[in-house]
PDB file of all heavy atoms in Angstrom:
ATOM      1  N   TYR A   1       0.840  -1.180  -0.020  1.00  0.00           N
ATOM      2  CA  TYR A   1      -0.014   0.036  -0.008  1.00  0.00           C
ATOM      3  C   TYR A   1       0.860   1.272   0.027  1.00  0.00           C
ATOM      4  O   TYR A   1       1.942   1.256   0.629  1.00  0.00           O
ATOM      5  CB  TYR A   1      -0.900   0.041   1.277  1.00  0.00           C
ATOM      6  CG  TYR A   1      -1.877  -1.079   1.329  1.00  0.00           C
ATOM      7  CD1 TYR A   1      -1.597  -2.243   2.071  1.00  0.00           C
ATOM      8  CD2 TYR A   1      -3.071  -0.990   0.693  1.00  0.00           C
ATOM      9  CE1 TYR A   1      -2.512  -3.284   2.140  1.00  0.00           C
ATOM     10  CE2 TYR A   1      -4.010  -2.018   0.769  1.00  0.00           C
ATOM     11  CZ  TYR A   1      -3.712  -3.149   1.508  1.00  0.00           C
ATOM     12  OH  TYR A   1      -4.605  -4.188   1.557  1.00  0.00           O
ATOM     13  N   ASP A   2       0.370   2.275  -0.725  1.00  0.00           N
ATOM     14  CA  ASP A   2       0.898   3.619  -0.525  1.00  0.00           C
ATOM     15  C   ASP A   2       0.108   4.242   0.600  1.00  0.00           C
ATOM     16  O   ASP A   2      -1.136   4.213   0.637  1.00  0.00           O
ATOM     17  CB  ASP A   2       0.717   4.457  -1.804  1.00  0.00           C
ATOM     18  CG  ASP A   2       1.647   4.019  -2.915  1.00  0.00           C
ATOM     19  OD1 ASP A   2       2.820   3.670  -2.617  1.00  0.00           O
ATOM     20  OD2 ASP A   2       1.203   3.996  -4.055  1.00  0.00           O
ATOM     21  N   VAL A   3       0.792   4.803   1.577  1.00  0.00           N
ATOM     22  CA  VAL A   3       0.125   5.295   2.789  1.00  0.00           C
ATOM     23  C   VAL A   3       0.352   6.810   2.936  1.00  0.00           C
ATOM     24  O   VAL A   3       1.437   7.265   2.702  1.00  0.00           O
ATOM     25  CB  VAL A   3       0.673   4.610   4.048  1.00  0.00           C
ATOM     26  CG1 VAL A   3      -0.001   5.092   5.283  1.00  0.00           C
ATOM     27  CG2 VAL A   3       0.572   3.075   3.920  1.00  0.00           C
ATOM     28  N   SER A   4      -0.742   7.534   3.253  1.00  0.00           N
ATOM     29  CA  SER A   4      -0.661   8.929   3.588  1.00  0.00           C
ATOM     30  C   SER A   4      -1.141   9.059   5.057  1.00  0.00           C
ATOM     31  O   SER A   4      -2.168   8.559   5.398  1.00  0.00           O
ATOM     32  CB  SER A   4      -1.579   9.744   2.688  1.00  0.00           C
ATOM     33  OG  SER A   4      -1.152   9.727   1.366  1.00  0.00           O
ATOM     34  N   ILE A   5      -0.316   9.790   5.822  1.00  0.00           N
ATOM     35  CA  ILE A   5      -0.624  10.054   7.215  1.00  0.00           C
ATOM     36  C   ILE A   5      -0.673  11.546   7.372  1.00  0.00           C
ATOM     37  O   ILE A   5       0.239  12.241   6.951  1.00  0.00           O
ATOM     38  CB  ILE A   5       0.420   9.487   8.150  1.00  0.00           C
ATOM     39  CG1 ILE A   5       0.619   8.021   7.870  1.00  0.00           C
ATOM     40  CG2 ILE A   5       0.021   9.746   9.649  1.00  0.00           C
ATOM     41  CD1 ILE A   5       1.881   7.425   8.539  1.00  0.00           C
ATOM     42  N   ASN A   6      -1.770  12.099   7.853  1.00  0.00           N
ATOM     43  CA  ASN A   6      -1.968  13.559   7.997  1.00  0.00           C
ATOM     44  C   ASN A   6      -2.269  13.946   9.429  1.00  0.00           C
ATOM     45  O   ASN A   6      -3.099  13.285  10.068  1.00  0.00           O
ATOM     46  CB  ASN A   6      -3.138  14.032   7.102  1.00  0.00           C
ATOM     47  CG  ASN A   6      -2.796  13.869   5.624  1.00  0.00           C
ATOM     48  OD1 ASN A   6      -2.045  14.673   5.091  1.00  0.00           O
ATOM     49  ND2 ASN A   6      -3.402  12.899   5.009  1.00  0.00           N
ATOM     50  N   TRP A   7      -1.653  14.996   9.895  1.00  0.00           N
ATOM     51  CA  TRP A   7      -1.909  15.562  11.210  1.00  0.00           C
ATOM     52  C   TRP A   7      -1.536  17.012  11.214  1.00  0.00           C
ATOM     53  O   TRP A   7      -0.817  17.472  10.299  1.00  0.00           O
ATOM     54  CB  TRP A   7      -1.177  14.805  12.309  1.00  0.00           C
ATOM     55  CG  TRP A   7       0.284  14.982  12.339  1.00  0.00           C
ATOM     56  CD1 TRP A   7       0.994  15.907  13.037  1.00  0.00           C
ATOM     57  CD2 TRP A   7       1.257  14.320  11.548  1.00  0.00           C
ATOM     58  NE1 TRP A   7       2.340  15.771  12.799  1.00  0.00           N
ATOM     59  CE2 TRP A   7       2.540  14.796  11.870  1.00  0.00           C
ATOM     60  CE3 TRP A   7       1.215  13.282  10.567  1.00  0.00           C
ATOM     61  CZ2 TRP A   7       3.709  14.352  11.300  1.00  0.00           C
ATOM     62  CZ3 TRP A   7       2.341  12.841  10.014  1.00  0.00           C
ATOM     63  CH2 TRP A   7       3.596  13.362  10.354  1.00  0.00           C
ATOM     64  N   ASN A   8      -2.012  17.750  12.207  1.00  0.00           N
ATOM     65  CA  ASN A   8      -1.749  19.199  12.333  1.00  0.00           C
ATOM     66  C   ASN A   8      -0.639  19.373  13.348  1.00  0.00           C
ATOM     67  O   ASN A   8      -0.962  19.304  14.575  1.00  0.00           O
ATOM     68  CB  ASN A   8      -3.021  19.917  12.707  1.00  0.00           C
ATOM     69  CG  ASN A   8      -2.758  21.417  12.850  1.00  0.00           C
ATOM     70  OD1 ASN A   8      -1.654  21.915  12.615  1.00  0.00           O
ATOM     71  ND2 ASN A   8      -3.798  22.134  13.198  1.00  0.00           N
ATOM     72  N   PRO A   9       0.572  19.672  12.959  1.00  0.00           N
ATOM     73  CA  PRO A   9       1.687  19.873  13.914  1.00  0.00           C
ATOM     74  C   PRO A   9       1.499  21.214  14.727  1.00  0.00           C
ATOM     75  O   PRO A   9       2.171  21.419  15.727  1.00  0.00           O
ATOM     76  CB  PRO A   9       2.927  19.868  13.051  1.00  0.00           C
ATOM     77  CG  PRO A   9       2.456  20.373  11.725  1.00  0.00           C
ATOM     78  CD  PRO A   9       1.057  19.830  11.581  1.00  0.00           C
ATOM     79  N   ASP A  10       0.624  22.086  14.222  1.00  0.00           N
ATOM     80  CA  ASP A  10       0.397  23.338  14.872  1.00  0.00           C
ATOM     81  C   ASP A  10      -0.847  23.367  15.766  1.00  0.00           C
ATOM     82  O   ASP A  10      -1.339  24.425  16.124  1.00  0.00           O
ATOM     83  CB  ASP A  10       0.297  24.440  13.845  1.00  0.00           C
ATOM     84  CG  ASP A  10       1.578  24.562  12.980  1.00  0.00           C
ATOM     85  OD1 ASP A  10       2.677  24.487  13.566  1.00  0.00           O
ATOM     86  OD2 ASP A  10       1.446  24.787  11.798  1.00  0.00           O
ATOM     87  N   ILE A  11      -1.296  22.169  16.117  1.00  0.00           N
ATOM     88  CA  ILE A  11      -2.529  22.111  16.953  1.00  0.00           C
ATOM     89  C   ILE A  11      -2.286  22.872  18.232  1.00  0.00           C
ATOM     90  O   ILE A  11      -1.179  22.853  18.792  1.00  0.00           O
ATOM     91  CB  ILE A  11      -2.941  20.626  17.212  1.00  0.00           C
ATOM     92  CG1 ILE A  11      -4.307  20.536  17.791  1.00  0.00           C
ATOM     93  CG2 ILE A  11      -1.923  19.907  18.071  1.00  0.00           C
ATOM     94  CD1 ILE A  11      -4.940  19.190  17.720  1.00  0.00           C
ATOM     95  N   LYS A  12      -3.316  23.480  18.732  1.00  0.00           N
ATOM     96  CA  LYS A  12      -3.195  24.284  19.958  1.00  0.00           C
ATOM     97  C   LYS A  12      -3.202  23.299  21.151  1.00  0.00           C
ATOM     98  O   LYS A  12      -3.943  22.356  21.220  1.00  0.00           O
ATOM     99  CB  LYS A  12      -4.398  25.235  20.078  1.00  0.00           C
ATOM    100  CG  LYS A  12      -4.314  26.310  19.022  1.00  0.00           C
ATOM    101  CD  LYS A  12      -5.499  27.228  19.152  1.00  0.00           C
ATOM    102  CE  LYS A  12      -5.399  28.232  18.014  1.00  0.00           C
ATOM    103  NZ  LYS A  12      -6.631  28.965  17.828  1.00  0.00           N
ATOM    104  N   LEU A  13      -2.343  23.604  22.119  1.00  0.00           N
ATOM    105  CA  LEU A  13      -2.274  22.776  23.290  1.00  0.00           C
ATOM    106  C   LEU A  13      -3.458  22.903  24.211  1.00  0.00           C
ATOM    107  O   LEU A  13      -3.666  22.150  25.124  1.00  0.00           O
ATOM    108  CB  LEU A  13      -0.987  23.070  24.062  1.00  0.00           C
ATOM    109  CG  LEU A  13       0.300  22.663  23.332  1.00  0.00           C
ATOM    110  CD1 LEU A  13       1.521  23.009  24.141  1.00  0.00           C
ATOM    111  CD2 LEU A  13       0.281  21.217  22.976  1.00  0.00           C
ATOM    112  N   SER A  14      -4.370  23.839  23.852  1.00  0.00           N
ATOM    113  CA  SER A  14      -5.609  23.943  24.614  1.00  0.00           C
ATOM    114  C   SER A  14      -6.694  22.928  24.096  1.00  0.00           C
ATOM    115  O   SER A  14      -7.728  22.763  24.724  1.00  0.00           O
ATOM    116  CB  SER A  14      -6.194  25.368  24.472  1.00  0.00           C
ATOM    117  OG  SER A  14      -6.422  25.703  23.145  1.00  0.00           O
ATOM    118  N   GLU A  15      -6.402  22.259  22.990  1.00  0.00           N
ATOM    119  CA  GLU A  15      -7.312  21.227  22.439  1.00  0.00           C
ATOM    120  C   GLU A  15      -7.217  19.993  23.319  1.00  0.00           C
ATOM    121  O   GLU A  15      -6.216  19.751  24.025  1.00  0.00           O
ATOM    122  CB  GLU A  15      -6.889  20.885  21.002  1.00  0.00           C
ATOM    123  CG  GLU A  15      -7.037  22.005  20.032  1.00  0.00           C
ATOM    124  CD  GLU A  15      -8.482  22.330  19.707  1.00  0.00           C
ATOM    125  OE1 GLU A  15      -9.315  21.452  19.780  1.00  0.00           O
ATOM    126  OE2 GLU A  15      -8.752  23.509  19.356  1.00  0.00           O
ATOM    127  N   HIS A  16      -8.235  19.155  23.269  1.00  0.00           N
ATOM    128  CA  HIS A  16      -8.260  17.933  24.014  1.00  0.00           C
ATOM    129  C   HIS A  16      -7.927  16.664  23.186  1.00  0.00           C
ATOM    130  O   HIS A  16      -7.504  15.678  23.677  1.00  0.00           O
ATOM    131  CB  HIS A  16      -9.653  17.741  24.646  1.00  0.00           C
ATOM    132  CG  HIS A  16      -9.926  18.697  25.701  1.00  0.00           C
ATOM    133  ND1 HIS A  16      -9.771  18.420  27.065  1.00  0.00           N
ATOM    134  CD2 HIS A  16     -10.349  19.985  25.694  1.00  0.00           C
ATOM    135  CE1 HIS A  16     -10.065  19.451  27.757  1.00  0.00           C
ATOM    136  NE2 HIS A  16     -10.410  20.444  27.000  1.00  0.00           N
ATOM    137  N   ILE A  17      -8.144  16.746  21.886  1.00  0.00           N
ATOM    138  CA  ILE A  17      -8.010  15.583  21.019  1.00  0.00           C
ATOM    139  C   ILE A  17      -7.010  15.942  19.871  1.00  0.00           C
ATOM    140  O   ILE A  17      -7.051  17.014  19.315  1.00  0.00           O
ATOM    141  CB  ILE A  17      -9.356  15.185  20.391  1.00  0.00           C
ATOM    142  CG1 ILE A  17     -10.372  14.870  21.499  1.00  0.00           C
ATOM    143  CG2 ILE A  17      -9.200  14.002  19.425  1.00  0.00           C
ATOM    144  CD1 ILE A  17     -10.023  13.721  22.365  1.00  0.00           C
ATOM    145  N   PHE A  18      -6.138  14.971  19.560  1.00  0.00           N
ATOM    146  CA  PHE A  18      -5.167  15.132  18.503  1.00  0.00           C
ATOM    147  C   PHE A  18      -5.552  14.137  17.387  1.00  0.00           C
ATOM    148  O   PHE A  18      -5.338  12.900  17.518  1.00  0.00           O
ATOM    149  CB  PHE A  18      -3.734  14.825  19.023  1.00  0.00           C
ATOM    150  CG  PHE A  18      -2.663  14.927  18.014  1.00  0.00           C
ATOM    151  CD1 PHE A  18      -2.328  16.134  17.426  1.00  0.00           C
ATOM    152  CD2 PHE A  18      -1.972  13.728  17.565  1.00  0.00           C
ATOM    153  CE1 PHE A  18      -1.308  16.210  16.486  1.00  0.00           C
ATOM    154  CE2 PHE A  18      -0.973  13.847  16.676  1.00  0.00           C
ATOM    155  CZ  PHE A  18      -0.599  15.080  16.068  1.00  0.00           C
ATOM    156  N   PRO A  19      -6.220  14.590  16.289  1.00  0.00           N
ATOM    157  CA  PRO A  19      -6.650  13.687  15.263  1.00  0.00           C
ATOM    158  C   PRO A  19      -5.511  13.365  14.221  1.00  0.00           C
ATOM    159  O   PRO A  19      -4.707  14.253  13.894  1.00  0.00           O
ATOM    160  CB  PRO A  19      -7.810  14.415  14.545  1.00  0.00           C
ATOM    161  CG  PRO A  19      -7.523  15.859  14.830  1.00  0.00           C
ATOM    162  CD  PRO A  19      -6.761  15.944  16.114  1.00  0.00           C
ATOM    163  N   ILE A  20      -5.458  12.129  13.790  1.00  0.00           N
ATOM    164  CA  ILE A  20      -4.462  11.695  12.794  1.00  0.00           C
ATOM    165  C   ILE A  20      -5.255  10.933  11.722  1.00  0.00           C
ATOM    166  O   ILE A  20      -6.065  10.009  12.057  1.00  0.00           O
ATOM    167  CB  ILE A  20      -3.428  10.733  13.426  1.00  0.00           C
ATOM    168  CG1 ILE A  20      -2.782  11.444  14.622  1.00  0.00           C
ATOM    169  CG2 ILE A  20      -2.411  10.337  12.403  1.00  0.00           C
ATOM    170  CD1 ILE A  20      -2.038  10.479  15.587  1.00  0.00           C
ATOM    171  N   LYS A  21      -5.131  11.295  10.495  1.00  0.00           N
ATOM    172  CA  LYS A  21      -5.887  10.678   9.419  1.00  0.00           C
ATOM    173  C   LYS A  21      -4.983   9.825   8.551  1.00  0.00           C
ATOM    174  O   LYS A  21      -3.832  10.154   8.280  1.00  0.00           O
ATOM    175  CB  LYS A  21      -6.533  11.770   8.512  1.00  0.00           C
ATOM    176  CG  LYS A  21      -7.564  12.566   9.253  1.00  0.00           C
ATOM    177  CD  LYS A  21      -8.327  13.529   8.387  1.00  0.00           C
ATOM    178  CE  LYS A  21      -9.262  14.284   9.279  1.00  0.00           C
ATOM    179  NZ  LYS A  21     -10.370  14.779   8.548  1.00  0.00           N
ATOM    180  N   PHE A  22      -5.562   8.651   8.102  1.00  0.00           N
ATOM    181  CA  PHE A  22      -4.810   7.701   7.309  1.00  0.00           C
ATOM    182  C   PHE A  22      -5.521   7.420   6.001  1.00  0.00           C
ATOM    183  O   PHE A  22      -6.748   7.386   5.987  1.00  0.00           O
ATOM    184  CB  PHE A  22      -4.668   6.344   8.054  1.00  0.00           C
ATOM    185  CG  PHE A  22      -3.795   6.375   9.272  1.00  0.00           C
ATOM    186  CD1 PHE A  22      -4.309   6.724  10.541  1.00  0.00           C
ATOM    187  CD2 PHE A  22      -2.434   6.149   9.163  1.00  0.00           C
ATOM    188  CE1 PHE A  22      -3.501   6.802  11.673  1.00  0.00           C
ATOM    189  CE2 PHE A  22      -1.628   6.207  10.243  1.00  0.00           C
ATOM    190  CZ  PHE A  22      -2.150   6.520  11.511  1.00  0.00           C
ATOM    191  N   GLN A  23      -4.722   7.149   4.979  1.00  0.00           N
ATOM    192  CA  GLN A  23      -5.282   6.611   3.757  1.00  0.00           C
ATOM    193  C   GLN A  23      -4.319   5.594   3.227  1.00  0.00           C
ATOM    194  O   GLN A  23      -3.108   5.833   3.148  1.00  0.00           O
ATOM    195  CB  GLN A  23      -5.507   7.695   2.667  1.00  0.00           C
ATOM    196  CG  GLN A  23      -6.105   7.117   1.451  1.00  0.00           C
ATOM    197  CD  GLN A  23      -6.373   8.172   0.370  1.00  0.00           C
ATOM    198  OE1 GLN A  23      -5.597   9.080   0.256  1.00  0.00           O
ATOM    199  NE2 GLN A  23      -7.450   8.001  -0.361  1.00  0.00           N
ATOM    200  N   PHE A  24      -4.828   4.397   2.912  1.00  0.00           N
ATOM    201  CA  PHE A  24      -4.062   3.331   2.326  1.00  0.00           C
ATOM    202  C   PHE A  24      -4.576   3.039   0.938  1.00  0.00           C
ATOM    203  O   PHE A  24      -5.751   2.825   0.744  1.00  0.00           O
ATOM    204  CB  PHE A  24      -4.234   2.018   3.146  1.00  0.00           C
ATOM    205  CG  PHE A  24      -3.387   1.936   4.397  1.00  0.00           C
ATOM    206  CD1 PHE A  24      -3.609   2.822   5.452  1.00  0.00           C
ATOM    207  CD2 PHE A  24      -2.370   1.014   4.532  1.00  0.00           C
ATOM    208  CE1 PHE A  24      -2.853   2.762   6.608  1.00  0.00           C
ATOM    209  CE2 PHE A  24      -1.605   0.976   5.694  1.00  0.00           C
ATOM    210  CZ  PHE A  24      -1.852   1.859   6.710  1.00  0.00           C
ATOM    211  N   VAL A  25      -3.697   3.075  -0.058  1.00  0.00           N
ATOM    212  CA  VAL A  25      -4.085   2.858  -1.453  1.00  0.00           C
ATOM    213  C   VAL A  25      -3.300   1.605  -1.922  1.00  0.00           C
ATOM    214  O   VAL A  25      -2.061   1.563  -1.890  1.00  0.00           O
ATOM    215  CB  VAL A  25      -3.781   4.025  -2.370  1.00  0.00           C
ATOM    216  CG1 VAL A  25      -4.126   3.750  -3.768  1.00  0.00           C
ATOM    217  CG2 VAL A  25      -4.536   5.259  -1.874  1.00  0.00           C
ATOM    218  N   ASP A  26      -4.036   0.628  -2.418  1.00  0.00           N
ATOM    219  CA  ASP A  26      -3.480  -0.610  -2.858  1.00  0.00           C
ATOM    220  C   ASP A  26      -2.556  -0.310  -4.085  1.00  0.00           C
ATOM    221  O   ASP A  26      -3.019   0.303  -5.059  1.00  0.00           O
ATOM    222  CB  ASP A  26      -4.580  -1.607  -3.273  1.00  0.00           C
ATOM    223  CG  ASP A  26      -4.030  -3.004  -3.590  1.00  0.00           C
ATOM    224  OD1 ASP A  26      -3.329  -3.132  -4.604  1.00  0.00           O
ATOM    225  OD2 ASP A  26      -4.372  -3.945  -2.845  1.00  0.00           O
ATOM    226  N   LYS A  27      -1.343  -0.745  -4.029  1.00  0.00           N
ATOM    227  CA  LYS A  27      -0.387  -0.478  -5.119  1.00  0.00           C
ATOM    228  C   LYS A  27      -0.762  -1.212  -6.381  1.00  0.00           C
ATOM    229  O   LYS A  27      -0.429  -0.724  -7.515  1.00  0.00           O
ATOM    230  CB  LYS A  27       1.026  -0.836  -4.681  1.00  0.00           C
ATOM    231  CG  LYS A  27       1.638   0.124  -3.771  1.00  0.00           C
ATOM    232  CD  LYS A  27       3.079  -0.177  -3.510  1.00  0.00           C
ATOM    233  CE  LYS A  27       3.800   1.041  -3.084  1.00  0.00           C
ATOM    234  NZ  LYS A  27       5.004   1.346  -3.835  1.00  0.00           N
ATOM    235  N   VAL A  28      -1.399  -2.364  -6.279  1.00  0.00           N
ATOM    236  CA  VAL A  28      -1.786  -3.139  -7.467  1.00  0.00           C
ATOM    237  C   VAL A  28      -3.010  -2.593  -8.156  1.00  0.00           C
ATOM    238  O   VAL A  28      -3.007  -2.305  -9.360  1.00  0.00           O
ATOM    239  CB  VAL A  28      -1.939  -4.629  -7.119  1.00  0.00           C
ATOM    240  CG1 VAL A  28      -2.434  -5.429  -8.313  1.00  0.00           C
ATOM    241  CG2 VAL A  28      -0.611  -5.230  -6.593  1.00  0.00           C
ATOM    242  N   SER A  29      -4.071  -2.427  -7.394  1.00  0.00           N
ATOM    243  CA  SER A  29      -5.372  -2.026  -7.959  1.00  0.00           C
ATOM    244  C   SER A  29      -5.556  -0.496  -8.015  1.00  0.00           C
ATOM    245  O   SER A  29      -6.326   0.016  -8.819  1.00  0.00           O
ATOM    246  CB  SER A  29      -6.505  -2.578  -7.133  1.00  0.00           C
ATOM    247  OG  SER A  29      -6.590  -1.991  -5.881  1.00  0.00           O
ATOM    248  N   GLY A  30      -4.791   0.246  -7.188  1.00  0.00           N
ATOM    249  CA  GLY A  30      -4.954   1.660  -7.152  1.00  0.00           C
ATOM    250  C   GLY A  30      -6.167   2.110  -6.356  1.00  0.00           C
ATOM    251  O   GLY A  30      -6.464   3.358  -6.276  1.00  0.00           O
ATOM    252  N   LYS A  31      -6.845   1.156  -5.734  1.00  0.00           N
ATOM    253  CA  LYS A  31      -8.058   1.525  -4.961  1.00  0.00           C
ATOM    254  C   LYS A  31      -7.676   1.787  -3.499  1.00  0.00           C
ATOM    255  O   LYS A  31      -6.821   1.070  -2.920  1.00  0.00           O
ATOM    256  CB  LYS A  31      -9.040   0.374  -4.988  1.00  0.00           C
ATOM    257  CG  LYS A  31      -9.672   0.137  -6.354  1.00  0.00           C
ATOM    258  CD  LYS A  31     -10.684  -0.963  -6.313  1.00  0.00           C
ATOM    259  CE  LYS A  31     -11.279  -1.154  -7.664  1.00  0.00           C
ATOM    260  NZ  LYS A  31     -12.270  -2.210  -7.690  1.00  0.00           N
ATOM    261  N   ALA A  32      -8.380   2.756  -2.934  1.00  0.00           N
ATOM    262  CA  ALA A  32      -8.216   3.088  -1.523  1.00  0.00           C
ATOM    263  C   ALA A  32      -8.829   1.982  -0.677  1.00  0.00           C
ATOM    264  O   ALA A  32      -9.919   1.497  -0.948  1.00  0.00           O
ATOM    265  CB  ALA A  32      -8.813   4.416  -1.155  1.00  0.00           C
TER     266      ALA A  32
END
């Protein structure tokens, strides 16, 4: 899989939750 990992490094420390988003794309089929 080709993998994309996204997050906000500038998130405010006053926030309670740190979200991290992932996407996996199959290298053979090209489908997520």
